[in-house]
């Protein structure tokens, strides 16, 4: 039986959603974090050295990219950022 685990981290004004695939890999949507909790660090100790499969950021507001530094430290195979909106 294949299982897929979904996590939604509510980190103050931001959020981070994560899916653990049946093969143990992780996909992350947005990189919200708080001063006391990092979803990426929480996920990283479960990775056993395997980089995140995919990371997507919905928009470039601080509450959606607060954990970017931890993501770079852990590593990701694919990172999708939206086009910068000049309006």
PDB file of N, CA and C in Angstrom:
ATOM      1  N   UNK A   1       0.833  -1.183   0.000  1.00  0.00           N
ATOM      2  CA  UNK A   1       0.000   0.000   0.000  1.00  0.00           C
ATOM      3  C   UNK A   1       0.879   1.249   0.000  1.00  0.00           C
ATOM      4  N   UNK A   2       0.622   2.168  -0.904  1.00  0.00           N
ATOM      5  CA  UNK A   2       1.357   3.421  -0.963  1.00  0.00           C
ATOM      6  C   UNK A   2       0.662   4.455  -0.098  1.00  0.00           C
ATOM      7  N   UNK A   3       1.448   5.178   0.663  1.00  0.00           N
ATOM      8  CA  UNK A   3       0.901   6.231   1.512  1.00  0.00           C
ATOM      9  C   UNK A   3       1.526   7.559   1.151  1.00  0.00           C
ATOM     10  N   UNK A   4       0.733   8.587   1.236  1.00  0.00           N
ATOM     11  CA  UNK A   4       1.180   9.950   0.991  1.00  0.00           C
ATOM     12  C   UNK A   4       0.817  10.745   2.238  1.00  0.00           C
ATOM     13  N   UNK A   5       1.798  11.426   2.830  1.00  0.00           N
ATOM     14  CA  UNK A   5       1.560  12.216   4.037  1.00  0.00           C
ATOM     15  C   UNK A   5       1.562  13.693   3.684  1.00  0.00           C
ATOM     16  N   UNK A   6       0.569  14.418   4.179  1.00  0.00           N
ATOM     17  CA  UNK A   6       0.446  15.859   3.934  1.00  0.00           C
ATOM     18  C   UNK A   6       0.586  16.599   5.252  1.00  0.00           C
ATOM     19  N   UNK A   7       1.419  17.634   5.263  1.00  0.00           N
ATOM     20  CA  UNK A   7       1.630  18.455   6.449  1.00  0.00           C
ATOM     21  C   UNK A   7       1.365  19.912   6.080  1.00  0.00           C
ATOM     22  N   UNK A   8       0.673  20.624   6.935  1.00  0.00           N
ATOM     23  CA  UNK A   8       0.475  22.061   6.768  1.00  0.00           C
ATOM     24  C   UNK A   8       0.967  22.726   8.040  1.00  0.00           C
ATOM     25  N   UNK A   9       2.020  23.514   7.899  1.00  0.00           N
ATOM     26  CA  UNK A   9       2.623  24.202   9.034  1.00  0.00           C
ATOM     27  C   UNK A   9       2.093  25.627   9.082  1.00  0.00           C
ATOM     28  N   UNK A  10       1.430  25.983  10.154  1.00  0.00           N
ATOM     29  CA  UNK A  10       0.945  27.347  10.366  1.00  0.00           C
ATOM     30  C   UNK A  10       1.998  28.060  11.205  1.00  0.00           C
ATOM     31  N   UNK A  11       2.751  28.938  10.577  1.00  0.00           N
ATOM     32  CA  UNK A  11       3.864  29.601  11.251  1.00  0.00           C
ATOM     33  C   UNK A  11       3.608  31.106  11.297  1.00  0.00           C
ATOM     34  N   UNK A  12       2.828  31.504  12.264  1.00  0.00           N
ATOM     35  CA  UNK A  12       2.452  32.902  12.450  1.00  0.00           C
ATOM     36  C   UNK A  12       1.727  33.408  11.209  1.00  0.00           C
ATOM     37  N   UNK A  13       2.316  34.370  10.492  1.00  0.00           N
ATOM     38  CA  UNK A  13       1.641  34.972   9.341  1.00  0.00           C
ATOM     39  C   UNK A  13       1.910  34.228   8.036  1.00  0.00           C
ATOM     40  N   UNK A  14       2.763  33.234   8.053  1.00  0.00           N
ATOM     41  CA  UNK A  14       3.070  32.498   6.836  1.00  0.00           C
ATOM     42  C   UNK A  14       2.668  31.044   6.958  1.00  0.00           C
ATOM     43  N   UNK A  15       2.835  30.320   5.874  1.00  0.00           N
ATOM     44  CA  UNK A  15       2.539  28.900   5.885  1.00  0.00           C
ATOM     45  C   UNK A  15       3.571  28.146   5.066  1.00  0.00           C
ATOM     46  N   UNK A  16       3.611  26.873   5.308  1.00  0.00           N
ATOM     47  CA  UNK A  16       4.436  25.964   4.537  1.00  0.00           C
ATOM     48  C   UNK A  16       3.661  24.657   4.457  1.00  0.00           C
ATOM     49  N   UNK A  17       3.470  24.150   3.257  1.00  0.00           N
ATOM     50  CA  UNK A  17       2.816  22.863   3.071  1.00  0.00           C
ATOM     51  C   UNK A  17       3.855  21.874   2.559  1.00  0.00           C
ATOM     52  N   UNK A  18       3.787  20.646   3.040  1.00  0.00           N
ATOM     53  CA  UNK A  18       4.753  19.632   2.629  1.00  0.00           C
ATOM     54  C   UNK A  18       4.042  18.309   2.394  1.00  0.00           C
ATOM     55  N   UNK A  19       4.514  17.596   1.391  1.00  0.00           N
ATOM     56  CA  UNK A  19       3.985  16.274   1.071  1.00  0.00           C
ATOM     57  C   UNK A  19       5.160  15.295   1.103  1.00  0.00           C
ATOM     58  N   UNK A  20       4.992  14.230   1.869  1.00  0.00           N
ATOM     59  CA  UNK A  20       5.980  13.147   1.845  1.00  0.00           C
ATOM     60  C   UNK A  20       5.425  12.058   0.944  1.00  0.00           C
ATOM     61  N   UNK A  21       6.128  11.803  -0.133  1.00  0.00           N
ATOM     62  CA  UNK A  21       5.700  10.842  -1.140  1.00  0.00           C
ATOM     63  C   UNK A  21       5.946   9.410  -0.652  1.00  0.00           C
ATOM     64  N   UNK A  22       5.296   8.441  -1.269  1.00  0.00           N
ATOM     65  CA  UNK A  22       5.498   7.044  -0.865  1.00  0.00           C
ATOM     66  C   UNK A  22       6.960   6.594  -0.905  1.00  0.00           C
ATOM     67  N   UNK A  23       7.779   7.208  -1.772  1.00  0.00           N
ATOM     68  CA  UNK A  23       9.191   6.823  -1.855  1.00  0.00           C
ATOM     69  C   UNK A  23      10.061   7.538  -0.818  1.00  0.00           C
ATOM     70  N   UNK A  24       9.436   8.322   0.073  1.00  0.00           N
ATOM     71  CA  UNK A  24      10.178   9.007   1.131  1.00  0.00           C
ATOM     72  C   UNK A  24      10.660  10.397   0.773  1.00  0.00           C
ATOM     73  N   UNK A  25      10.518  10.789  -0.472  1.00  0.00           N
ATOM     74  CA  UNK A  25      10.939  12.120  -0.908  1.00  0.00           C
ATOM     75  C   UNK A  25       9.907  13.150  -0.485  1.00  0.00           C
ATOM     76  N   UNK A  26      10.300  14.417  -0.430  1.00  0.00           N
ATOM     77  CA  UNK A  26       9.422  15.496   0.016  1.00  0.00           C
ATOM     78  C   UNK A  26       9.248  16.549  -1.067  1.00  0.00           C
ATOM     79  N   UNK A  27       8.048  17.106  -1.170  1.00  0.00           N
ATOM     80  CA  UNK A  27       7.748  18.277  -1.988  1.00  0.00           C
ATOM     81  C   UNK A  27       7.220  19.346  -1.033  1.00  0.00           C
ATOM     82  N   UNK A  28       7.691  20.570  -1.198  1.00  0.00           N
ATOM     83  CA  UNK A  28       7.322  21.663  -0.296  1.00  0.00           C
ATOM     84  C   UNK A  28       6.736  22.809  -1.101  1.00  0.00           C
ATOM     85  N   UNK A  29       5.665  23.390  -0.574  1.00  0.00           N
ATOM     86  CA  UNK A  29       5.022  24.545  -1.194  1.00  0.00           C
ATOM     87  C   UNK A  29       5.066  25.705  -0.201  1.00  0.00           C
ATOM     88  N   UNK A  30       5.736  26.745  -0.570  1.00  0.00           N
ATOM     89  CA  UNK A  30       5.990  27.943   0.239  1.00  0.00           C
ATOM     90  C   UNK A  30       6.946  27.635   1.382  1.00  0.00           C
ATOM     91  N   UNK A  31       7.591  28.668   1.866  1.00  0.00           N
ATOM     92  CA  UNK A  31       8.666  28.520   2.844  1.00  0.00           C
ATOM     93  C   UNK A  31       8.455  29.417   4.055  1.00  0.00           C
ATOM     94  N   UNK A  32       7.235  29.473   4.552  1.00  0.00           N
ATOM     95  CA  UNK A  32       6.966  30.255   5.748  1.00  0.00           C
ATOM     96  C   UNK A  32       7.663  29.645   6.953  1.00  0.00           C
ATOM     97  N   UNK A  33       8.059  30.490   7.895  1.00  0.00           N
ATOM     98  CA  UNK A  33       8.702  30.047   9.131  1.00  0.00           C
ATOM     99  C   UNK A  33       8.424  31.088  10.200  1.00  0.00           C
ATOM    100  N   UNK A  34       8.598  30.704  11.447  1.00  0.00           N
ATOM    101  CA  UNK A  34       8.456  31.664  12.539  1.00  0.00           C
ATOM    102  C   UNK A  34       9.801  31.814  13.238  1.00  0.00           C
ATOM    103  N   UNK A  35       9.860  32.671  14.219  1.00  0.00           N
ATOM    104  CA  UNK A  35      11.102  32.874  14.958  1.00  0.00           C
ATOM    105  C   UNK A  35      11.491  31.629  15.757  1.00  0.00           C
ATOM    106  N   UNK A  36      10.527  30.772  16.048  1.00  0.00           N
ATOM    107  CA  UNK A  36      10.797  29.611  16.898  1.00  0.00           C
ATOM    108  C   UNK A  36      10.649  28.272  16.179  1.00  0.00           C
ATOM    109  N   UNK A  37      10.214  28.262  14.918  1.00  0.00           N
ATOM    110  CA  UNK A  37      10.004  26.995  14.219  1.00  0.00           C
ATOM    111  C   UNK A  37      10.330  27.128  12.745  1.00  0.00           C
ATOM    112  N   UNK A  38      11.109  26.182  12.238  1.00  0.00           N
ATOM    113  CA  UNK A  38      11.467  26.097  10.829  1.00  0.00           C
ATOM    114  C   UNK A  38      10.936  24.789  10.256  1.00  0.00           C
ATOM    115  N   UNK A  39       9.916  24.851   9.383  1.00  0.00           N
ATOM    116  CA  UNK A  39       9.448  23.614   8.756  1.00  0.00           C
ATOM    117  C   UNK A  39      10.544  22.880   7.986  1.00  0.00           C
ATOM    118  N   UNK A  40      11.428  23.620   7.336  1.00  0.00           N
ATOM    119  CA  UNK A  40      12.496  22.986   6.563  1.00  0.00           C
ATOM    120  C   UNK A  40      13.444  22.230   7.484  1.00  0.00           C
ATOM    121  N   UNK A  41      13.784  22.802   8.627  1.00  0.00           N
ATOM    122  CA  UNK A  41      14.627  22.072   9.580  1.00  0.00           C
ATOM    123  C   UNK A  41      13.889  20.849  10.120  1.00  0.00           C
ATOM    124  N   UNK A  42      12.589  20.972  10.371  1.00  0.00           N
ATOM    125  CA  UNK A  42      11.789  19.842  10.850  1.00  0.00           C
ATOM    126  C   UNK A  42      11.808  18.716   9.828  1.00  0.00           C
ATOM    127  N   UNK A  43      11.652  19.072   8.559  1.00  0.00           N
ATOM    128  CA  UNK A  43      11.683  18.077   7.490  1.00  0.00           C
ATOM    129  C   UNK A  43      13.094  17.515   7.315  1.00  0.00           C
ATOM    130  N   UNK A  44      14.114  18.356   7.423  1.00  0.00           N
ATOM    131  CA  UNK A  44      15.482  17.954   7.083  1.00  0.00           C
ATOM    132  C   UNK A  44      16.000  16.807   7.945  1.00  0.00           C
ATOM    133  N   UNK A  45      15.610  16.738   9.209  1.00  0.00           N
ATOM    134  CA  UNK A  45      16.119  15.622  10.009  1.00  0.00           C
ATOM    135  C   UNK A  45      15.422  14.319   9.650  1.00  0.00           C
ATOM    136  N   UNK A  46      14.367  14.385   8.841  1.00  0.00           N
ATOM    137  CA  UNK A  46      13.693  13.184   8.352  1.00  0.00           C
ATOM    138  C   UNK A  46      14.207  12.761   6.965  1.00  0.00           C
ATOM    139  N   UNK A  47      15.051  13.578   6.361  1.00  0.00           N
ATOM    140  CA  UNK A  47      15.493  13.331   4.988  1.00  0.00           C
ATOM    141  C   UNK A  47      16.625  12.329   4.860  1.00  0.00           C
ATOM    142  N   UNK A  48      17.420  12.164   5.889  1.00  0.00           N
ATOM    143  CA  UNK A  48      18.567  11.252   5.851  1.00  0.00           C
ATOM    144  C   UNK A  48      19.480  11.540   4.664  1.00  0.00           C
ATOM    145  N   UNK A  49      19.774  12.821   4.438  1.00  0.00           N
ATOM    146  CA  UNK A  49      20.721  13.204   3.396  1.00  0.00           C
ATOM    147  C   UNK A  49      20.152  13.306   1.994  1.00  0.00           C
ATOM    148  N   UNK A  50      18.873  13.038   1.811  1.00  0.00           N
ATOM    149  CA  UNK A  50      18.252  13.124   0.486  1.00  0.00           C
ATOM    150  C   UNK A  50      17.701  14.532   0.301  1.00  0.00           C
ATOM    151  N   UNK A  51      18.051  15.242  -0.776  1.00  0.00           N
ATOM    152  CA  UNK A  51      17.523  16.599  -0.965  1.00  0.00           C
ATOM    153  C   UNK A  51      16.023  16.588  -1.228  1.00  0.00           C
ATOM    154  N   UNK A  52      15.393  17.714  -0.937  1.00  0.00           N
ATOM    155  CA  UNK A  52      13.977  17.852  -1.249  1.00  0.00           C
ATOM    156  C   UNK A  52      13.785  17.676  -2.739  1.00  0.00           C
ATOM    157  N   UNK A  53      12.749  16.981  -3.110  1.00  0.00           N
ATOM    158  CA  UNK A  53      12.491  16.720  -4.521  1.00  0.00           C
ATOM    159  C   UNK A  53      12.096  17.986  -5.263  1.00  0.00           C
ATOM    160  N   UNK A  54      11.168  18.735  -4.687  1.00  0.00           N
ATOM    161  CA  UNK A  54      10.676  19.930  -5.375  1.00  0.00           C
ATOM    162  C   UNK A  54      10.235  20.955  -4.348  1.00  0.00           C
ATOM    163  N   UNK A  55      10.526  22.213  -4.637  1.00  0.00           N
ATOM    164  CA  UNK A  55      10.085  23.316  -3.802  1.00  0.00           C
ATOM    165  C   UNK A  55       9.473  24.372  -4.700  1.00  0.00           C
ATOM    166  N   UNK A  56       8.286  24.849  -4.344  1.00  0.00           N
ATOM    167  CA  UNK A  56       7.594  25.877  -5.102  1.00  0.00           C
ATOM    168  C   UNK A  56       7.192  27.001  -4.156  1.00  0.00           C
ATOM    169  N   UNK A  57       7.447  28.229  -4.566  1.00  0.00           N
ATOM    170  CA  UNK A  57       7.055  29.412  -3.800  1.00  0.00           C
ATOM    171  C   UNK A  57       5.955  30.115  -4.584  1.00  0.00           C
ATOM    172  N   UNK A  58       4.821  30.379  -3.923  1.00  0.00           N
ATOM    173  CA  UNK A  58       3.663  30.958  -4.617  1.00  0.00           C
ATOM    174  C   UNK A  58       3.867  32.424  -4.964  1.00  0.00           C
ATOM    175  N   UNK A  59       4.464  33.183  -4.057  1.00  0.00           N
ATOM    176  CA  UNK A  59       4.761  34.587  -4.328  1.00  0.00           C
ATOM    177  C   UNK A  59       5.860  35.059  -3.379  1.00  0.00           C
ATOM    178  N   UNK A  60       6.505  36.137  -3.741  1.00  0.00           N
ATOM    179  CA  UNK A  60       7.732  36.555  -3.059  1.00  0.00           C
ATOM    180  C   UNK A  60       7.493  37.537  -1.911  1.00  0.00           C
ATOM    181  N   UNK A  61       6.572  37.216  -1.031  1.00  0.00           N
ATOM    182  CA  UNK A  61       6.388  37.992   0.189  1.00  0.00           C
ATOM    183  C   UNK A  61       7.192  37.327   1.303  1.00  0.00           C
ATOM    184  N   UNK A  62       7.651  38.132   2.239  1.00  0.00           N
ATOM    185  CA  UNK A  62       8.497  37.632   3.314  1.00  0.00           C
ATOM    186  C   UNK A  62       7.920  36.454   4.071  1.00  0.00           C
ATOM    187  N   UNK A  63       6.596  36.448   4.277  1.00  0.00           N
ATOM    188  CA  UNK A  63       5.988  35.349   5.034  1.00  0.00           C
ATOM    189  C   UNK A  63       5.913  34.046   4.232  1.00  0.00           C
ATOM    190  N   UNK A  64       6.273  34.085   2.957  1.00  0.00           N
ATOM    191  CA  UNK A  64       6.283  32.876   2.132  1.00  0.00           C
ATOM    192  C   UNK A  64       7.697  32.431   1.767  1.00  0.00           C
ATOM    193  N   UNK A  65       8.699  33.213   2.138  1.00  0.00           N
ATOM    194  CA  UNK A  65      10.089  32.853   1.836  1.00  0.00           C
ATOM    195  C   UNK A  65      10.990  32.935   3.068  1.00  0.00           C
ATOM    196  N   UNK A  66      10.409  33.026   4.259  1.00  0.00           N
ATOM    197  CA  UNK A  66      11.194  33.222   5.486  1.00  0.00           C
ATOM    198  C   UNK A  66      12.188  32.088   5.752  1.00  0.00           C
ATOM    199  N   UNK A  67      11.914  30.895   5.261  1.00  0.00           N
ATOM    200  CA  UNK A  67      12.775  29.741   5.536  1.00  0.00           C
ATOM    201  C   UNK A  67      13.712  29.422   4.373  1.00  0.00           C
ATOM    202  N   UNK A  68      13.919  30.378   3.484  1.00  0.00           N
ATOM    203  CA  UNK A  68      14.729  30.164   2.283  1.00  0.00           C
ATOM    204  C   UNK A  68      16.165  29.772   2.626  1.00  0.00           C
ATOM    205  N   UNK A  69      16.746  30.414   3.626  1.00  0.00           N
ATOM    206  CA  UNK A  69      18.128  30.094   4.012  1.00  0.00           C
ATOM    207  C   UNK A  69      18.287  28.644   4.439  1.00  0.00           C
ATOM    208  N   UNK A  70      17.320  28.126   5.184  1.00  0.00           N
ATOM    209  CA  UNK A  70      17.376  26.721   5.588  1.00  0.00           C
ATOM    210  C   UNK A  70      17.186  25.791   4.397  1.00  0.00           C
ATOM    211  N   UNK A  71      16.373  26.197   3.437  1.00  0.00           N
ATOM    212  CA  UNK A  71      16.198  25.391   2.237  1.00  0.00           C
ATOM    213  C   UNK A  71      17.516  25.257   1.478  1.00  0.00           C
ATOM    214  N   UNK A  72      18.234  26.356   1.328  1.00  0.00           N
ATOM    215  CA  UNK A  72      19.512  26.327   0.617  1.00  0.00           C
ATOM    216  C   UNK A  72      20.497  25.406   1.341  1.00  0.00           C
ATOM    217  N   UNK A  73      20.475  25.419   2.675  1.00  0.00           N
ATOM    218  CA  UNK A  73      21.376  24.565   3.449  1.00  0.00           C
ATOM    219  C   UNK A  73      21.040  23.080   3.266  1.00  0.00           C
ATOM    220  N   UNK A  74      19.753  22.749   3.167  1.00  0.00           N
ATOM    221  CA  UNK A  74      19.316  21.359   3.014  1.00  0.00           C
ATOM    222  C   UNK A  74      19.481  20.898   1.570  1.00  0.00           C
ATOM    223  N   UNK A  75      19.114  21.766   0.631  1.00  0.00           N
ATOM    224  CA  UNK A  75      19.205  21.428  -0.784  1.00  0.00           C
ATOM    225  C   UNK A  75      17.863  21.032  -1.366  1.00  0.00           C
ATOM    226  N   UNK A  76      17.686  21.328  -2.625  1.00  0.00           N
ATOM    227  CA  UNK A  76      16.471  20.968  -3.343  1.00  0.00           C
ATOM    228  C   UNK A  76      16.848  20.650  -4.780  1.00  0.00           C
ATOM    229  N   UNK A  77      16.193  19.673  -5.372  1.00  0.00           N
ATOM    230  CA  UNK A  77      16.476  19.316  -6.759  1.00  0.00           C
ATOM    231  C   UNK A  77      15.824  20.287  -7.733  1.00  0.00           C
ATOM    232  N   UNK A  78      14.709  20.873  -7.331  1.00  0.00           N
ATOM    233  CA  UNK A  78      13.982  21.773  -8.222  1.00  0.00           C
ATOM    234  C   UNK A  78      13.378  22.881  -7.381  1.00  0.00           C
ATOM    235  N   UNK A  79      13.594  24.123  -7.784  1.00  0.00           N
ATOM    236  CA  UNK A  79      13.039  25.276  -7.084  1.00  0.00           C
ATOM    237  C   UNK A  79      12.320  26.145  -8.096  1.00  0.00           C
ATOM    238  N   UNK A  80      11.031  26.362  -7.863  1.00  0.00           N
ATOM    239  CA  UNK A  80      10.248  27.213  -8.760  1.00  0.00           C
ATOM    240  C   UNK A  80       9.843  28.457  -8.002  1.00  0.00           C
ATOM    241  N   UNK A  81      10.249  29.598  -8.545  1.00  0.00           N
ATOM    242  CA  UNK A  81       9.868  30.900  -8.009  1.00  0.00           C
ATOM    243  C   UNK A  81       9.017  31.613  -9.041  1.00  0.00           C
ATOM    244  N   UNK A  82       8.028  32.375  -8.605  1.00  0.00           N
ATOM    245  CA  UNK A  82       7.196  33.102  -9.562  1.00  0.00           C
ATOM    246  C   UNK A  82       7.956  34.266 -10.160  1.00  0.00           C
ATOM    247  N   UNK A  83       7.471  34.745 -11.277  1.00  0.00           N
ATOM    248  CA  UNK A  83       8.033  35.951 -11.880  1.00  0.00           C
ATOM    249  C   UNK A  83       7.763  37.132 -10.947  1.00  0.00           C
ATOM    250  N   UNK A  84       8.706  38.016 -10.842  1.00  0.00           N
ATOM    251  CA  UNK A  84       8.560  39.188  -9.988  1.00  0.00           C
ATOM    252  C   UNK A  84       7.505  40.120 -10.585  1.00  0.00           C
ATOM    253  N   UNK A  85       6.535  40.512  -9.768  1.00  0.00           N
ATOM    254  CA  UNK A  85       5.450  41.404 -10.204  1.00  0.00           C
ATOM    255  C   UNK A  85       5.871  42.841  -9.908  1.00  0.00           C
ATOM    256  N   UNK A  86       6.025  43.651 -10.928  1.00  0.00           N
ATOM    257  CA  UNK A  86       6.479  45.035 -10.771  1.00  0.00           C
ATOM    258  C   UNK A  86       5.370  45.985 -10.395  1.00  0.00           C
ATOM    259  N   UNK A  87       4.143  45.516 -10.314  1.00  0.00           N
ATOM    260  CA  UNK A  87       3.016  46.397  -9.987  1.00  0.00           C
ATOM    261  C   UNK A  87       2.889  46.636  -8.523  1.00  0.00           C
TER     262      UNK A  87
END
